[in-house]
Amino acid sequence: MDVFNKVRRIAGKYSAPSPPVLLSAGQTVADPKTVADLFAEHFASVSRKDPTAPGARYHQSMESLRVNFSSTGGESYNVPFSTSELRTALSQCHDSSPGPDDIPYTFLRHMSDSAFTFLLTHPLQTTTRCHQ
């Protein structure tokens, strides 16, 4: 349970999450195992490595292209982003398990402006050592 749920529980505003419910073929499914099986079926059907599937050739050709990291231009994707851009991106993320950095989105969403500025202006660890 994250910190914000604990605070809500202490304040008496916490409600436990409802069990997973899914609409499948016009029927409501509430059994957790059935819901899990339906998700598994769906993800298996959309993630098969079928070379004849629509778009598979395009996908394979894009994956085979080599990436050129030697660009010296000022492409927009290489420009540092602002605090407001970071806040906008985080506002569109759903709460989920933390990534490899073990930092949940809710923690980042509730950071102060000064913490965001620090985060965006200080080099972070990119290899096995921190930059100074």
N, C-alpha and C. Protein backbone atom coordinates (compact mmCIF):
# COMPACT_ATOMS: atom_id res chain seq x y z
N MET A 1 0.85 -1.17 0.00
CA MET A 1 0.00 0.00 0.00
C MET A 1 0.90 1.23 0.00
N ASP A 2 0.56 2.20 -0.85
CA ASP A 2 1.42 3.37 -0.92
C ASP A 2 1.09 4.37 0.19
N VAL A 3 1.93 5.36 0.34
CA VAL A 3 1.82 6.34 1.41
C VAL A 3 0.48 7.06 1.37
N PHE A 4 0.03 7.42 0.16
CA PHE A 4 -1.20 8.21 0.05
C PHE A 4 -2.42 7.41 0.46
N ASN A 5 -2.44 6.11 0.20
CA ASN A 5 -3.54 5.27 0.68
C ASN A 5 -3.52 5.18 2.20
N LYS A 6 -2.32 5.12 2.78
CA LYS A 6 -2.23 5.08 4.25
C LYS A 6 -2.77 6.37 4.85
N VAL A 7 -2.43 7.51 4.24
CA VAL A 7 -2.92 8.80 4.73
C VAL A 7 -4.44 8.84 4.63
N ARG A 8 -5.00 8.39 3.50
CA ARG A 8 -6.45 8.36 3.34
C ARG A 8 -7.10 7.46 4.39
N ARG A 9 -6.47 6.33 4.66
CA ARG A 9 -7.02 5.40 5.66
C ARG A 9 -7.03 6.05 7.04
N ILE A 10 -5.95 6.73 7.41
CA ILE A 10 -5.87 7.41 8.70
C ILE A 10 -6.93 8.51 8.79
N ALA A 11 -7.14 9.23 7.67
CA ALA A 11 -8.13 10.31 7.65
C ALA A 11 -9.56 9.79 7.56
N GLY A 12 -9.72 8.49 7.42
CA GLY A 12 -11.05 7.91 7.33
C GLY A 12 -11.68 8.02 5.96
N LYS A 13 -10.87 8.32 4.93
CA LYS A 13 -11.39 8.50 3.57
C LYS A 13 -10.98 7.36 2.65
N TYR A 14 -10.46 6.31 3.21
CA TYR A 14 -9.94 5.21 2.39
C TYR A 14 -11.06 4.22 2.09
N SER A 15 -11.12 3.78 0.86
CA SER A 15 -12.02 2.68 0.52
C SER A 15 -11.19 1.65 -0.24
N ALA A 16 -11.38 0.41 0.11
CA ALA A 16 -10.61 -0.66 -0.52
C ALA A 16 -10.96 -0.73 -2.00
N PRO A 17 -9.99 -1.08 -2.82
CA PRO A 17 -10.27 -1.20 -4.25
C PRO A 17 -11.31 -2.29 -4.51
N SER A 18 -12.17 -2.05 -5.49
CA SER A 18 -13.19 -3.05 -5.81
C SER A 18 -12.55 -4.19 -6.59
N PRO A 19 -13.16 -5.36 -6.51
CA PRO A 19 -12.59 -6.51 -7.23
C PRO A 19 -12.64 -6.26 -8.74
N PRO A 20 -11.75 -6.90 -9.47
CA PRO A 20 -11.71 -6.67 -10.92
C PRO A 20 -12.99 -7.17 -11.58
N VAL A 21 -13.57 -6.32 -12.42
CA VAL A 21 -14.77 -6.68 -13.17
C VAL A 21 -14.49 -6.36 -14.63
N LEU A 22 -14.93 -7.23 -15.51
CA LEU A 22 -14.63 -7.08 -16.92
C LEU A 22 -15.89 -7.39 -17.72
N LEU A 23 -16.10 -6.65 -18.79
CA LEU A 23 -17.20 -6.92 -19.70
C LEU A 23 -16.64 -7.70 -20.88
N SER A 24 -17.09 -8.92 -21.05
CA SER A 24 -16.59 -9.78 -22.11
C SER A 24 -17.77 -10.39 -22.86
N ALA A 25 -17.81 -10.15 -24.16
CA ALA A 25 -18.88 -10.67 -25.02
C ALA A 25 -20.25 -10.33 -24.46
N GLY A 26 -20.39 -9.10 -23.95
CA GLY A 26 -21.67 -8.64 -23.43
C GLY A 26 -22.01 -9.14 -22.04
N GLN A 27 -21.13 -9.89 -21.42
CA GLN A 27 -21.39 -10.41 -20.08
C GLN A 27 -20.38 -9.84 -19.09
N THR A 28 -20.86 -9.54 -17.89
CA THR A 28 -19.98 -9.04 -16.83
C THR A 28 -19.31 -10.23 -16.15
N VAL A 29 -17.99 -10.15 -16.06
CA VAL A 29 -17.21 -11.22 -15.44
C VAL A 29 -16.57 -10.65 -14.19
N ALA A 30 -16.82 -11.26 -13.02
CA ALA A 30 -16.27 -10.77 -11.76
C ALA A 30 -15.32 -11.75 -11.10
N ASP A 31 -15.30 -12.98 -11.55
CA ASP A 31 -14.41 -13.98 -10.95
C ASP A 31 -12.96 -13.63 -11.31
N PRO A 32 -12.10 -13.38 -10.31
CA PRO A 32 -10.72 -12.96 -10.60
C PRO A 32 -9.97 -13.90 -11.52
N LYS A 33 -10.14 -15.21 -11.37
CA LYS A 33 -9.43 -16.15 -12.22
C LYS A 33 -9.91 -16.04 -13.67
N THR A 34 -11.22 -15.90 -13.86
CA THR A 34 -11.76 -15.76 -15.21
C THR A 34 -11.29 -14.45 -15.84
N VAL A 35 -11.28 -13.37 -15.06
CA VAL A 35 -10.79 -12.09 -15.56
C VAL A 35 -9.33 -12.23 -15.99
N ALA A 36 -8.51 -12.87 -15.16
CA ALA A 36 -7.10 -13.08 -15.49
C ALA A 36 -6.95 -13.90 -16.76
N ASP A 37 -7.77 -14.95 -16.90
CA ASP A 37 -7.70 -15.79 -18.10
C ASP A 37 -8.09 -15.00 -19.35
N LEU A 38 -9.11 -14.14 -19.24
CA LEU A 38 -9.53 -13.32 -20.38
C LEU A 38 -8.42 -12.35 -20.79
N PHE A 39 -7.78 -11.73 -19.80
CA PHE A 39 -6.65 -10.84 -20.11
C PHE A 39 -5.52 -11.62 -20.78
N ALA A 40 -5.22 -12.79 -20.26
CA ALA A 40 -4.15 -13.62 -20.83
C ALA A 40 -4.47 -13.98 -22.28
N GLU A 41 -5.72 -14.37 -22.54
CA GLU A 41 -6.13 -14.70 -23.92
C GLU A 41 -5.95 -13.50 -24.84
N HIS A 42 -6.41 -12.33 -24.36
CA HIS A 42 -6.31 -11.13 -25.20
C HIS A 42 -4.85 -10.79 -25.51
N PHE A 43 -4.02 -10.74 -24.48
CA PHE A 43 -2.63 -10.36 -24.71
C PHE A 43 -1.88 -11.39 -25.54
N ALA A 44 -2.23 -12.65 -25.40
CA ALA A 44 -1.62 -13.68 -26.23
C ALA A 44 -2.02 -13.48 -27.69
N SER A 45 -3.27 -13.08 -27.92
CA SER A 45 -3.74 -12.92 -29.30
C SER A 45 -3.12 -11.71 -29.99
N VAL A 46 -2.79 -10.66 -29.24
CA VAL A 46 -2.23 -9.47 -29.87
C VAL A 46 -0.71 -9.44 -29.86
N SER A 47 -0.08 -10.39 -29.21
CA SER A 47 1.38 -10.34 -29.13
C SER A 47 2.07 -11.52 -29.80
N ARG A 48 1.35 -12.28 -30.55
CA ARG A 48 1.98 -13.41 -31.24
C ARG A 48 2.96 -12.91 -32.29
N LYS A 49 4.01 -13.62 -32.49
CA LYS A 49 5.03 -13.26 -33.48
C LYS A 49 4.69 -13.89 -34.83
N ASP A 50 3.54 -13.57 -35.37
CA ASP A 50 3.10 -14.11 -36.65
C ASP A 50 3.62 -13.22 -37.77
N PRO A 51 4.56 -13.70 -38.60
CA PRO A 51 5.13 -12.85 -39.65
C PRO A 51 4.12 -12.49 -40.74
N THR A 52 2.98 -13.17 -40.80
CA THR A 52 1.98 -12.84 -41.81
C THR A 52 0.92 -11.88 -41.28
N ALA A 53 0.99 -11.54 -40.00
CA ALA A 53 0.00 -10.63 -39.41
C ALA A 53 0.14 -9.24 -40.03
N PRO A 54 -0.98 -8.51 -40.14
CA PRO A 54 -0.92 -7.17 -40.71
C PRO A 54 0.08 -6.30 -39.95
N GLY A 55 0.91 -5.61 -40.67
CA GLY A 55 1.88 -4.72 -40.05
C GLY A 55 3.16 -5.40 -39.59
N ALA A 56 3.22 -6.72 -39.66
CA ALA A 56 4.40 -7.43 -39.15
C ALA A 56 5.64 -7.11 -39.98
N ARG A 57 5.49 -7.05 -41.30
CA ARG A 57 6.66 -6.74 -42.14
C ARG A 57 7.18 -5.33 -41.87
N TYR A 58 6.26 -4.39 -41.75
CA TYR A 58 6.67 -3.02 -41.45
C TYR A 58 7.39 -2.98 -40.10
N HIS A 59 6.83 -3.65 -39.12
CA HIS A 59 7.43 -3.70 -37.79
C HIS A 59 8.83 -4.30 -37.86
N GLN A 60 8.98 -5.39 -38.60
CA GLN A 60 10.28 -6.04 -38.73
C GLN A 60 11.27 -5.13 -39.45
N SER A 61 10.81 -4.41 -40.48
CA SER A 61 11.73 -3.53 -41.21
C SER A 61 12.18 -2.37 -40.32
N MET A 62 11.28 -1.84 -39.49
CA MET A 62 11.65 -0.75 -38.59
C MET A 62 12.63 -1.22 -37.52
N GLU A 63 12.43 -2.44 -37.03
CA GLU A 63 13.35 -2.98 -36.02
C GLU A 63 14.73 -3.26 -36.59
N SER A 64 14.81 -3.50 -37.90
CA SER A 64 16.10 -3.83 -38.49
C SER A 64 16.94 -2.58 -38.79
N LEU A 65 16.34 -1.40 -38.75
CA LEU A 65 17.09 -0.17 -39.02
C LEU A 65 18.07 0.11 -37.89
N ARG A 66 19.25 0.56 -38.27
CA ARG A 66 20.25 0.92 -37.26
C ARG A 66 19.96 2.33 -36.76
N VAL A 67 20.17 2.55 -35.48
CA VAL A 67 19.94 3.86 -34.89
C VAL A 67 21.23 4.65 -34.95
N ASN A 68 21.15 5.91 -35.40
CA ASN A 68 22.31 6.77 -35.52
C ASN A 68 22.33 7.74 -34.34
N PHE A 69 23.25 7.53 -33.41
CA PHE A 69 23.35 8.38 -32.24
C PHE A 69 24.36 9.52 -32.42
N SER A 70 24.92 9.67 -33.61
CA SER A 70 25.97 10.66 -33.80
C SER A 70 25.45 12.02 -34.27
N SER A 71 24.16 12.24 -34.23
CA SER A 71 23.59 13.50 -34.68
C SER A 71 24.08 14.64 -33.81
N THR A 72 24.39 15.76 -34.44
CA THR A 72 24.81 16.95 -33.70
C THR A 72 23.78 18.06 -33.84
N GLY A 73 22.68 17.77 -34.53
CA GLY A 73 21.63 18.76 -34.73
C GLY A 73 20.84 19.02 -33.46
N GLY A 74 20.03 20.04 -33.50
CA GLY A 74 19.21 20.40 -32.35
C GLY A 74 17.80 19.86 -32.47
N GLU A 75 17.68 18.57 -32.73
CA GLU A 75 16.36 17.97 -32.88
C GLU A 75 15.53 18.19 -31.62
N SER A 76 14.23 18.35 -31.82
CA SER A 76 13.35 18.66 -30.68
C SER A 76 13.37 17.56 -29.63
N TYR A 77 13.62 16.33 -30.04
CA TYR A 77 13.63 15.25 -29.06
C TYR A 77 14.92 15.22 -28.25
N ASN A 78 15.90 16.05 -28.59
CA ASN A 78 17.14 16.13 -27.82
C ASN A 78 17.18 17.36 -26.91
N VAL A 79 16.16 18.19 -26.96
CA VAL A 79 16.11 19.39 -26.15
C VAL A 79 15.62 19.02 -24.75
N PRO A 80 16.27 19.53 -23.70
CA PRO A 80 15.79 19.22 -22.34
C PRO A 80 14.34 19.64 -22.18
N PHE A 81 13.57 18.86 -21.45
CA PHE A 81 12.16 19.21 -21.29
C PHE A 81 11.94 19.96 -19.99
N SER A 82 10.82 20.66 -19.93
CA SER A 82 10.53 21.55 -18.80
C SER A 82 9.78 20.82 -17.69
N THR A 83 9.67 21.51 -16.56
CA THR A 83 8.92 20.98 -15.43
C THR A 83 7.47 20.74 -15.83
N SER A 84 6.89 21.68 -16.57
CA SER A 84 5.48 21.52 -16.95
C SER A 84 5.30 20.33 -17.90
N GLU A 85 6.27 20.10 -18.79
CA GLU A 85 6.18 18.93 -19.67
C GLU A 85 6.24 17.63 -18.86
N LEU A 86 7.11 17.61 -17.85
CA LEU A 86 7.22 16.42 -17.00
C LEU A 86 5.94 16.20 -16.21
N ARG A 87 5.38 17.28 -15.65
CA ARG A 87 4.12 17.16 -14.91
C ARG A 87 2.99 16.67 -15.82
N THR A 88 2.93 17.19 -17.04
CA THR A 88 1.90 16.76 -17.99
C THR A 88 2.04 15.28 -18.30
N ALA A 89 3.26 14.84 -18.55
CA ALA A 89 3.49 13.42 -18.85
C ALA A 89 3.10 12.55 -17.66
N LEU A 90 3.45 12.96 -16.46
CA LEU A 90 3.12 12.17 -15.27
C LEU A 90 1.62 12.16 -15.01
N SER A 91 0.93 13.25 -15.36
CA SER A 91 -0.52 13.29 -15.13
C SER A 91 -1.25 12.31 -16.03
N GLN A 92 -0.62 11.91 -17.13
CA GLN A 92 -1.25 10.98 -18.06
C GLN A 92 -0.88 9.53 -17.76
N CYS A 93 -0.03 9.31 -16.77
CA CYS A 93 0.36 7.95 -16.39
C CYS A 93 -0.64 7.40 -15.38
N HIS A 94 -0.85 6.12 -15.45
CA HIS A 94 -1.71 5.45 -14.48
C HIS A 94 -0.85 4.90 -13.35
N ASP A 95 -1.43 4.83 -12.17
CA ASP A 95 -0.70 4.23 -11.06
C ASP A 95 -0.44 2.77 -11.40
N SER A 96 0.78 2.37 -11.27
CA SER A 96 1.15 0.99 -11.57
C SER A 96 2.33 0.62 -10.70
N SER A 97 2.80 -0.56 -10.90
CA SER A 97 3.98 -0.98 -10.15
C SER A 97 5.14 -0.07 -10.50
N PRO A 98 6.01 0.19 -9.55
CA PRO A 98 7.18 1.01 -9.84
C PRO A 98 8.04 0.36 -10.91
N GLY A 99 8.76 1.18 -11.63
CA GLY A 99 9.66 0.67 -12.65
C GLY A 99 10.95 0.16 -12.03
N PRO A 100 11.99 0.01 -12.84
CA PRO A 100 13.25 -0.52 -12.33
C PRO A 100 13.89 0.38 -11.27
N ASP A 101 13.48 1.66 -11.23
CA ASP A 101 14.03 2.56 -10.22
C ASP A 101 13.27 2.49 -8.89
N ASP A 102 12.21 1.67 -8.83
CA ASP A 102 11.38 1.50 -7.63
C ASP A 102 10.69 2.79 -7.17
N ILE A 103 10.48 3.73 -8.09
CA ILE A 103 9.80 4.98 -7.75
C ILE A 103 8.40 4.96 -8.37
N PRO A 104 7.34 4.95 -7.56
CA PRO A 104 5.98 4.93 -8.12
C PRO A 104 5.59 6.29 -8.69
N TYR A 105 4.69 6.29 -9.67
CA TYR A 105 4.23 7.53 -10.29
C TYR A 105 3.61 8.48 -9.27
N THR A 106 2.89 7.94 -8.29
CA THR A 106 2.24 8.81 -7.31
C THR A 106 3.27 9.63 -6.53
N PHE A 107 4.41 9.05 -6.27
CA PHE A 107 5.48 9.79 -5.58
C PHE A 107 5.94 10.96 -6.45
N LEU A 108 6.18 10.70 -7.73
CA LEU A 108 6.65 11.75 -8.63
C LEU A 108 5.59 12.83 -8.83
N ARG A 109 4.32 12.42 -8.92
CA ARG A 109 3.23 13.38 -9.13
C ARG A 109 3.12 14.38 -7.98
N HIS A 110 3.46 13.97 -6.78
CA HIS A 110 3.28 14.81 -5.60
C HIS A 110 4.56 15.55 -5.19
N MET A 111 5.58 15.53 -6.04
CA MET A 111 6.82 16.25 -5.72
C MET A 111 6.61 17.76 -5.83
N SER A 112 7.38 18.51 -5.08
CA SER A 112 7.30 19.97 -5.14
C SER A 112 7.97 20.47 -6.41
N ASP A 113 7.70 21.74 -6.75
CA ASP A 113 8.32 22.34 -7.93
C ASP A 113 9.84 22.36 -7.80
N SER A 114 10.34 22.63 -6.59
CA SER A 114 11.79 22.68 -6.42
C SER A 114 12.41 21.30 -6.61
N ALA A 115 11.70 20.24 -6.20
CA ALA A 115 12.20 18.88 -6.41
C ALA A 115 12.23 18.55 -7.90
N PHE A 116 11.19 18.97 -8.64
CA PHE A 116 11.18 18.76 -10.09
C PHE A 116 12.34 19.49 -10.75
N THR A 117 12.54 20.74 -10.35
CA THR A 117 13.64 21.53 -10.93
C THR A 117 14.97 20.86 -10.66
N PHE A 118 15.17 20.39 -9.43
CA PHE A 118 16.41 19.69 -9.09
C PHE A 118 16.57 18.45 -9.96
N LEU A 119 15.49 17.69 -10.10
CA LEU A 119 15.52 16.46 -10.88
C LEU A 119 15.91 16.73 -12.34
N LEU A 120 15.40 17.83 -12.89
CA LEU A 120 15.65 18.14 -14.30
C LEU A 120 16.97 18.86 -14.55
N THR A 121 17.57 19.45 -13.53
CA THR A 121 18.79 20.22 -13.75
C THR A 121 20.06 19.53 -13.26
N HIS A 122 19.92 18.41 -12.58
CA HIS A 122 21.10 17.69 -12.10
C HIS A 122 21.24 16.37 -12.84
N PRO A 123 22.42 16.10 -13.36
CA PRO A 123 22.63 14.82 -14.04
C PRO A 123 22.37 13.66 -13.09
N LEU A 124 21.70 12.67 -13.58
CA LEU A 124 21.39 11.50 -12.77
C LEU A 124 22.34 10.37 -13.10
N GLN A 125 22.29 9.34 -12.32
CA GLN A 125 23.14 8.17 -12.56
C GLN A 125 22.76 7.55 -13.90
N THR A 126 23.74 7.41 -14.78
CA THR A 126 23.46 6.83 -16.09
C THR A 126 24.22 5.54 -16.33
N THR A 127 25.23 5.27 -15.54
CA THR A 127 25.96 4.01 -15.68
C THR A 127 26.10 3.43 -14.29
N THR A 128 27.28 3.02 -13.93
CA THR A 128 27.48 2.46 -12.60
C THR A 128 28.04 3.49 -11.63
N ARG A 129 28.20 4.72 -12.08
CA ARG A 129 28.70 5.75 -11.18
C ARG A 129 27.89 7.03 -11.38
N CYS A 130 27.83 7.86 -10.35
CA CYS A 130 27.08 9.12 -10.44
C CYS A 130 27.97 10.20 -11.03
N HIS A 131 27.36 11.06 -11.82
CA HIS A 131 28.09 12.21 -12.36
C HIS A 131 28.23 13.26 -11.27
N GLN A 132 29.30 14.04 -11.33
CA GLN A 132 29.49 15.09 -10.32
C GLN A 132 29.63 16.43 -10.97
